[in-house]
Amino acid sequence: MTSDIILFLIQDGIANGAIYALLGLAIVLVFAVTRIIMVPQGIFISYAALSLSWLESNLVPPTAWLLLALGLLTAGIECWQARRRPRAMRAPLVKYVVLPAALLGLCWLLAPQDLPQMARMALALALVVPFGPIMYRLAFQPVAGASPLVLLLISVAVFIALTSLGLVIFGPEGVRTAPIATASFTLGVLDLSAQSLWVVGMTALLMVLLYLFFGRTIAGKALHATAVNRIGAKLVGIETNAAGGLAFTLAAAIGALSGILISPITTIYYDTGFLMGLKGFIAAIIGGLLSYPLTVISALVIGIIESFSSFSASLYKEVIVFSLILPVLLLRSLGRRDIGEDEQ
């Protein structure tokens, strides 16, 4: 293995690791606020990339219809619970019916047009992000006080359901979307594509925005307070259900953006996001499901190890990557004392 090959592999690993970092950050964010292990995080990758592909073909993405159907279901539940308070029905109707219907109408109007690529990406992002709060409201909010094991089982069930729906509405074919930019740059022996630079640059920008969001905004501080002490957050008036919905919204936005960024580089299928989400989960586990900086560093290391494994032992690259979690779990188990049920 020459030094040139090593540089190429590191370059490829950083690009992949940047995506895993985004997914890991989303998983840490959701777990910190809601205690939910976000198994369906990779679904947003597939839905966003495949929706963008349909828009590039001048077709209305099926996600627009699915979003409206789930929105109607969610609005029906909300309105039934608020049936004795008619004024309380307005907000869920606007949030879960009017907004999805408006997005569907926008797709009908704009999909046949020759839109700029950035406009198509924005529309695909707008279609997928609302799935986050709807997912939380339908599947997790009714059992928000359940044990982490129950929440994990529900998370797995949601993943299976959405993956199956993805197969039905999108089909089994893989897609690659048009890149944001087709330029390339030479740095020594490396050929850097503009799309890879977009991936790394957007990852860095998003991390800065998340830092500012948690440190400078009221909503971010409320999320942080909920993550630190859920009961204390309730006592000071923070609505934990709203915090959970916001956490899922951010997770959906991060996942959808990841799918849009990676789809010009990697062929995306209806279930592609699962493996990517697992690698983001490994990074989050190494970060203890608490540390954002350690999650990002772990994700970059995972990306680089995966790149070298693909070159040296391609048949075992997934085994090598997923095995990274074993020594971490072993070390954490050795350093943690047993806690009985009475102490919990």
Protein backbone atom coordinates (compact mmCIF):
# COMPACT_ATOMS: atom_id res chain seq x y z
CA MET A 1 0.00 0.00 0.00
CA THR A 2 1.61 3.24 -1.16
CA SER A 3 1.31 6.65 0.46
CA ASP A 4 -0.90 7.83 -2.41
CA ILE A 5 -3.38 5.03 -1.76
CA ILE A 6 -3.35 5.82 1.95
CA LEU A 7 -4.23 9.46 1.22
CA PHE A 8 -7.06 8.41 -1.11
CA LEU A 9 -8.46 6.05 1.51
CA ILE A 10 -8.29 8.71 4.22
CA GLN A 11 -10.07 11.16 1.92
CA ASP A 12 -12.84 8.67 1.24
CA GLY A 13 -13.09 7.76 4.91
CA ILE A 14 -13.48 11.38 5.99
CA ALA A 15 -16.31 11.92 3.50
CA ASN A 16 -18.16 8.83 4.77
CA GLY A 17 -17.30 9.61 8.37
CA ALA A 18 -18.84 13.07 8.03
CA ILE A 19 -22.20 11.46 7.23
CA TYR A 20 -21.84 9.01 10.12
CA ALA A 21 -21.05 11.99 12.35
CA LEU A 22 -24.32 13.69 11.39
CA LEU A 23 -26.30 10.52 12.06
CA GLY A 24 -24.48 9.95 15.35
CA LEU A 25 -25.25 13.51 16.48
CA ALA A 26 -28.94 12.99 15.70
CA ILE A 27 -29.01 9.72 17.65
CA VAL A 28 -27.30 11.30 20.67
CA LEU A 29 -29.68 14.27 20.52
CA VAL A 30 -32.83 12.12 20.46
CA PHE A 31 -31.58 9.76 23.18
CA ALA A 32 -30.52 12.59 25.47
CA VAL A 33 -33.92 14.27 25.28
CA THR A 34 -36.29 11.29 25.07
CA ARG A 35 -34.29 8.16 26.09
CA ILE A 36 -35.24 6.69 22.69
CA ILE A 37 -32.59 4.87 20.66
CA MET A 38 -33.34 6.20 17.19
CA VAL A 39 -33.27 2.99 15.16
CA PRO A 40 -35.23 4.58 12.25
CA GLN A 41 -32.69 7.41 11.82
CA GLY A 42 -31.44 5.96 8.53
CA ILE A 43 -34.98 5.97 7.10
CA PHE A 44 -34.75 9.72 6.59
CA ILE A 45 -31.67 9.18 4.40
CA SER A 46 -33.48 6.82 2.05
CA TYR A 47 -36.71 8.80 1.95
CA ALA A 48 -34.94 12.09 1.17
CA ALA A 49 -32.66 10.67 -1.51
CA LEU A 50 -35.45 8.71 -3.23
CA SER A 51 -37.83 11.69 -3.04
CA LEU A 52 -35.17 13.85 -4.68
CA SER A 53 -34.76 11.23 -7.41
CA TRP A 54 -38.49 11.37 -8.17
CA LEU A 55 -38.36 15.16 -8.34
CA GLU A 56 -35.44 14.93 -10.77
CA SER A 57 -37.65 12.70 -12.93
CA ASN A 58 -40.37 15.41 -12.82
CA LEU A 59 -42.66 13.19 -10.75
CA VAL A 60 -44.51 13.82 -7.50
CA PRO A 61 -42.69 11.82 -4.80
CA PRO A 62 -44.86 9.23 -3.03
CA THR A 63 -43.57 10.62 0.26
CA ALA A 64 -45.93 13.59 -0.29
CA TRP A 65 -48.95 11.25 -0.25
CA LEU A 66 -47.59 9.24 2.67
CA LEU A 67 -46.96 12.43 4.65
CA LEU A 68 -50.54 13.59 4.07
CA ALA A 69 -51.95 10.19 5.10
CA LEU A 70 -49.92 10.09 8.32
CA GLY A 71 -50.77 13.74 8.96
CA LEU A 72 -54.51 13.00 8.69
CA LEU A 73 -54.12 10.10 11.11
CA THR A 74 -52.20 12.25 13.58
CA ALA A 75 -54.67 15.12 13.29
CA GLY A 76 -57.56 12.72 13.89
CA ILE A 77 -55.94 11.52 17.13
CA GLU A 78 -55.23 15.08 18.26
CA CYS A 79 -58.74 16.27 17.47
CA TRP A 80 -60.32 13.32 19.25
CA GLN A 81 -58.32 14.09 22.39
CA ALA A 82 -59.31 17.77 22.14
CA ARG A 83 -62.95 17.11 21.20
CA ARG A 84 -64.20 19.08 24.21
CA ARG A 85 -61.95 22.02 23.41
CA PRO A 86 -62.74 23.08 19.81
CA ARG A 87 -60.15 25.86 19.80
CA ALA A 88 -57.41 23.35 20.58
CA MET A 89 -58.11 21.58 17.29
CA ARG A 90 -56.81 24.42 15.14
CA ALA A 91 -53.11 23.91 15.77
CA PRO A 92 -53.03 20.16 14.95
CA LEU A 93 -55.16 20.71 11.84
CA VAL A 94 -52.73 23.32 10.56
CA LYS A 95 -49.64 21.34 11.55
CA TYR A 96 -50.71 17.88 10.42
CA VAL A 97 -53.19 18.54 7.60
CA VAL A 98 -52.75 21.99 6.06
CA LEU A 99 -48.95 21.83 5.89
CA PRO A 100 -48.76 18.33 4.29
CA ALA A 101 -51.57 19.26 1.88
CA ALA A 102 -49.70 22.44 0.94
CA LEU A 103 -46.51 20.45 0.33
CA LEU A 104 -48.41 17.99 -1.85
CA GLY A 105 -49.90 20.85 -3.85
CA LEU A 106 -46.46 22.42 -4.18
CA CYS A 107 -45.11 19.14 -5.55
CA TRP A 108 -47.94 18.89 -8.07
CA LEU A 109 -47.16 22.43 -9.19
CA LEU A 110 -43.37 22.31 -9.24
CA ALA A 111 -42.43 18.67 -9.97
CA PRO A 112 -43.13 18.93 -13.75
CA GLN A 113 -41.06 22.12 -13.95
CA ASP A 114 -37.36 22.27 -14.77
CA LEU A 115 -36.31 23.39 -11.31
CA PRO A 116 -32.76 24.22 -10.20
CA GLN A 117 -31.15 21.36 -8.29
CA MET A 118 -31.03 23.36 -5.06
CA ALA A 119 -34.79 23.97 -5.27
CA ARG A 120 -35.43 20.25 -5.70
CA MET A 121 -33.22 19.49 -2.72
CA ALA A 122 -35.10 22.03 -0.59
CA LEU A 123 -38.45 20.52 -1.61
CA ALA A 124 -37.25 16.98 -0.82
CA LEU A 125 -36.00 18.20 2.54
CA ALA A 126 -39.35 19.88 3.26
CA LEU A 127 -41.18 16.64 2.45
CA VAL A 128 -39.13 14.42 4.75
CA VAL A 129 -38.55 16.61 7.83
CA PRO A 130 -42.22 16.55 8.98
CA PHE A 131 -42.00 12.76 9.29
CA GLY A 132 -39.92 13.32 12.45
CA PRO A 133 -42.53 15.02 14.66
CA ILE A 134 -45.32 12.85 13.21
CA MET A 135 -43.31 9.72 14.07
CA TYR A 136 -42.83 10.96 17.61
CA ARG A 137 -46.48 11.89 18.06
CA LEU A 138 -47.86 8.62 16.74
CA ALA A 139 -45.40 6.08 18.10
CA PHE A 140 -43.54 7.52 21.08
CA GLN A 141 -45.42 10.35 22.77
CA PRO A 142 -48.22 8.08 24.09
CA VAL A 143 -45.61 5.93 25.88
CA ALA A 144 -43.05 8.63 26.70
CA GLY A 145 -42.78 7.41 30.29
CA ALA A 146 -42.12 3.78 29.39
CA SER A 147 -38.85 1.99 30.09
CA PRO A 148 -35.95 2.31 27.62
CA LEU A 149 -36.45 -1.33 26.59
CA VAL A 150 -40.08 -0.71 25.59
CA LEU A 151 -39.06 2.43 23.71
CA LEU A 152 -36.35 0.44 21.91
CA LEU A 153 -38.86 -2.22 20.83
CA ILE A 154 -41.21 0.46 19.53
CA SER A 155 -38.30 2.08 17.70
CA VAL A 156 -37.50 -1.21 15.98
CA ALA A 157 -41.16 -1.66 15.05
CA VAL A 158 -41.30 1.85 13.56
CA PHE A 159 -38.16 1.12 11.56
CA ILE A 160 -39.60 -2.11 10.15
CA ALA A 161 -42.88 -0.40 9.25
CA LEU A 162 -41.23 2.55 7.50
CA THR A 163 -38.74 0.32 5.68
CA SER A 164 -41.58 -1.84 4.40
CA LEU A 165 -43.49 1.25 3.30
CA GLY A 166 -40.35 2.45 1.55
CA LEU A 167 -40.20 -0.76 -0.46
CA VAL A 168 -43.88 -0.44 -1.40
CA ILE A 169 -43.86 3.21 -2.45
CA PHE A 170 -40.37 3.48 -3.97
CA GLY A 171 -39.66 -0.03 -5.18
CA PRO A 172 -36.41 -2.01 -4.90
CA GLU A 173 -34.39 -0.02 -7.43
CA GLY A 174 -31.43 2.05 -6.31
CA VAL A 175 -30.84 5.64 -7.40
CA ARG A 176 -28.12 8.24 -7.61
CA THR A 177 -29.08 11.88 -7.77
CA ALA A 178 -27.39 14.75 -9.56
CA PRO A 179 -24.54 16.35 -7.59
CA ILE A 180 -24.73 19.88 -6.26
CA ALA A 181 -21.53 20.69 -8.12
CA THR A 182 -19.49 18.72 -10.63
CA ALA A 183 -16.18 20.55 -10.30
CA SER A 184 -13.05 18.85 -9.00
CA PHE A 185 -9.88 20.16 -7.43
CA THR A 186 -6.37 18.78 -7.28
CA LEU A 187 -4.45 18.85 -4.02
CA GLY A 188 -1.15 17.10 -4.47
CA VAL A 189 -1.98 13.56 -5.53
CA LEU A 190 -5.61 13.88 -4.43
CA ASP A 191 -8.53 14.70 -6.69
CA LEU A 192 -11.16 16.35 -4.50
CA SER A 193 -14.71 16.39 -5.88
CA ALA A 194 -16.89 19.35 -5.10
CA GLN A 195 -19.60 16.99 -3.81
CA SER A 196 -17.24 15.52 -1.20
CA LEU A 197 -16.29 19.02 -0.11
CA TRP A 198 -20.00 19.83 0.18
CA VAL A 199 -20.47 16.82 2.46
CA VAL A 200 -17.61 17.76 4.78
CA GLY A 201 -18.42 21.48 4.67
CA MET A 202 -22.13 21.00 5.43
CA THR A 203 -21.26 18.63 8.28
CA ALA A 204 -18.97 21.22 9.84
CA LEU A 205 -21.55 23.99 9.31
CA LEU A 206 -24.32 21.91 10.84
CA MET A 207 -22.20 21.14 13.91
CA VAL A 208 -21.57 24.86 14.39
CA LEU A 209 -25.29 25.61 13.99
CA LEU A 210 -26.19 22.92 16.53
CA TYR A 211 -23.65 24.39 18.97
CA LEU A 212 -25.16 27.85 18.55
CA PHE A 213 -28.70 26.45 18.77
CA PHE A 214 -28.08 24.73 22.11
CA GLY A 215 -26.03 27.58 23.53
CA ARG A 216 -27.81 30.69 22.28
CA THR A 217 -31.52 29.94 21.77
CA ILE A 218 -34.37 29.39 24.21
CA ALA A 219 -35.53 26.25 22.40
CA GLY A 220 -32.01 24.83 22.43
CA LYS A 221 -31.61 25.52 26.13
CA ALA A 222 -34.97 23.89 26.79
CA LEU A 223 -33.82 20.78 24.92
CA HIS A 224 -30.56 20.78 26.87
CA ALA A 225 -32.44 21.13 30.15
CA THR A 226 -34.73 18.23 29.21
CA ALA A 227 -31.69 16.12 28.38
CA VAL A 228 -30.00 16.91 31.69
CA ASN A 229 -33.04 16.44 33.93
CA ARG A 230 -36.42 15.56 32.44
CA ILE A 231 -38.32 15.88 35.74
CA GLY A 232 -36.62 19.16 36.58
CA ALA A 233 -37.49 20.49 33.13
CA LYS A 234 -41.16 19.70 33.77
CA LEU A 235 -41.04 21.47 37.13
CA VAL A 236 -39.79 24.71 35.57
CA GLY A 237 -42.48 24.65 32.91
CA ILE A 238 -40.73 23.06 29.92
CA GLU A 239 -43.14 20.94 27.89
CA THR A 240 -41.26 17.67 27.49
CA ASN A 241 -43.55 16.40 24.74
CA ALA A 242 -42.80 19.51 22.71
CA ALA A 243 -39.09 18.97 23.41
CA GLY A 244 -39.37 15.40 22.13
CA GLY A 245 -41.12 16.56 18.97
CA LEU A 246 -38.44 19.18 18.38
CA ALA A 247 -35.68 16.60 18.91
CA PHE A 248 -37.29 14.32 16.33
CA THR A 249 -37.68 17.24 13.93
CA LEU A 250 -33.97 18.04 14.18
CA ALA A 251 -33.10 14.34 13.77
CA ALA A 252 -35.27 14.13 10.64
CA ALA A 253 -33.67 17.27 9.22
CA ILE A 254 -30.17 15.91 9.85
CA GLY A 255 -31.03 12.52 8.34
CA ALA A 256 -32.73 14.04 5.28
CA LEU A 257 -29.82 16.40 4.68
CA SER A 258 -27.42 13.46 4.97
CA GLY A 259 -29.37 11.54 2.34
CA ILE A 260 -29.38 14.48 -0.05
CA LEU A 261 -25.64 15.01 0.38
CA ILE A 262 -24.61 11.36 0.02
CA SER A 263 -26.96 10.29 -2.80
CA PRO A 264 -24.76 11.68 -5.63
CA ILE A 265 -21.83 9.63 -4.25
CA THR A 266 -23.54 6.38 -3.17
CA THR A 267 -26.40 4.43 -4.70
CA ILE A 268 -29.36 4.69 -2.34
CA TYR A 269 -31.99 1.97 -1.94
CA TYR A 270 -35.09 1.95 0.25
CA ASP A 271 -33.09 0.25 3.03
CA THR A 272 -29.66 1.82 2.52
CA GLY A 273 -30.07 4.11 5.49
CA PHE A 274 -30.14 1.16 7.88
CA LEU A 275 -26.42 0.35 7.63
CA MET A 276 -25.48 4.02 7.64
CA GLY A 277 -27.64 4.58 10.71
CA LEU A 278 -25.99 1.62 12.45
CA LYS A 279 -22.56 3.12 11.85
CA GLY A 280 -23.80 6.43 13.24
CA PHE A 281 -25.15 4.47 16.20
CA ILE A 282 -21.73 2.89 16.81
CA ALA A 283 -20.20 6.37 16.86
CA ALA A 284 -22.88 7.48 19.32
CA ILE A 285 -22.23 4.44 21.55
CA ILE A 286 -18.50 5.17 21.59
CA GLY A 287 -19.44 8.70 22.60
CA GLY A 288 -21.48 7.25 25.46
CA LEU A 289 -24.73 8.55 23.92
CA LEU A 290 -23.83 11.80 25.64
CA SER A 291 -20.76 13.46 24.11
CA TYR A 292 -21.23 15.27 20.80
CA PRO A 293 -17.49 15.93 20.16
CA LEU A 294 -16.52 12.32 20.94
CA THR A 295 -19.33 11.10 18.66
CA VAL A 296 -17.98 13.18 15.77
CA ILE A 297 -14.40 12.00 16.30
CA SER A 298 -15.56 8.38 16.56
CA ALA A 299 -17.56 8.71 13.35
CA LEU A 300 -14.55 10.00 11.43
CA VAL A 301 -12.43 7.13 12.77
CA ILE A 302 -15.14 4.65 11.76
CA GLY A 303 -15.25 6.13 8.26
CA ILE A 304 -11.47 5.84 7.86
CA ILE A 305 -11.37 2.27 9.23
CA GLU A 306 -14.19 1.31 6.87
CA SER A 307 -12.30 2.81 3.94
CA PHE A 308 -9.12 0.87 4.73
CA SER A 309 -11.15 -2.29 5.36
CA SER A 310 -12.81 -1.95 1.95
CA PHE A 311 -9.39 -1.84 0.34
CA SER A 312 -7.68 -4.61 2.34
CA ALA A 313 -10.54 -6.93 3.30
CA SER A 314 -13.66 -5.89 1.45
CA LEU A 315 -15.55 -9.08 2.34
CA TYR A 316 -15.17 -8.36 6.03
CA LYS A 317 -15.44 -4.58 6.13
CA GLU A 318 -18.85 -4.56 7.84
CA VAL A 319 -17.67 -7.12 10.38
CA ILE A 320 -14.61 -5.02 11.16
CA VAL A 321 -16.62 -1.82 11.53
CA PHE A 322 -19.33 -3.35 13.72
CA SER A 323 -16.73 -5.13 15.84
CA LEU A 324 -15.41 -1.75 16.97
CA ILE A 325 -18.29 -1.54 19.42
CA LEU A 326 -17.25 -4.69 21.32
CA PRO A 327 -14.14 -3.39 23.15
CA VAL A 328 -16.00 -0.17 23.97
CA LEU A 329 -18.90 -2.05 25.53
CA LEU A 330 -16.46 -4.30 27.40
CA LEU A 331 -14.56 -1.35 28.86
CA ARG A 332 -17.76 0.42 29.84
CA SER A 333 -19.14 -2.70 31.51
CA LEU A 334 -15.94 -3.19 33.49
CA GLY A 335 -15.99 0.39 34.69
CA ARG A 336 -19.62 0.40 35.79
CA ARG A 337 -20.92 -1.03 39.04
CA ASP A 338 -24.09 -3.14 39.00
CA ILE A 339 -27.28 -1.29 39.88
CA GLY A 340 -30.11 -3.20 41.44
CA GLU A 341 -33.76 -2.58 40.82
CA ASP A 342 -34.22 -0.98 44.22
CA GLU A 343 -31.56 1.62 43.43
CA GLN A 344 -33.12 2.45 40.06
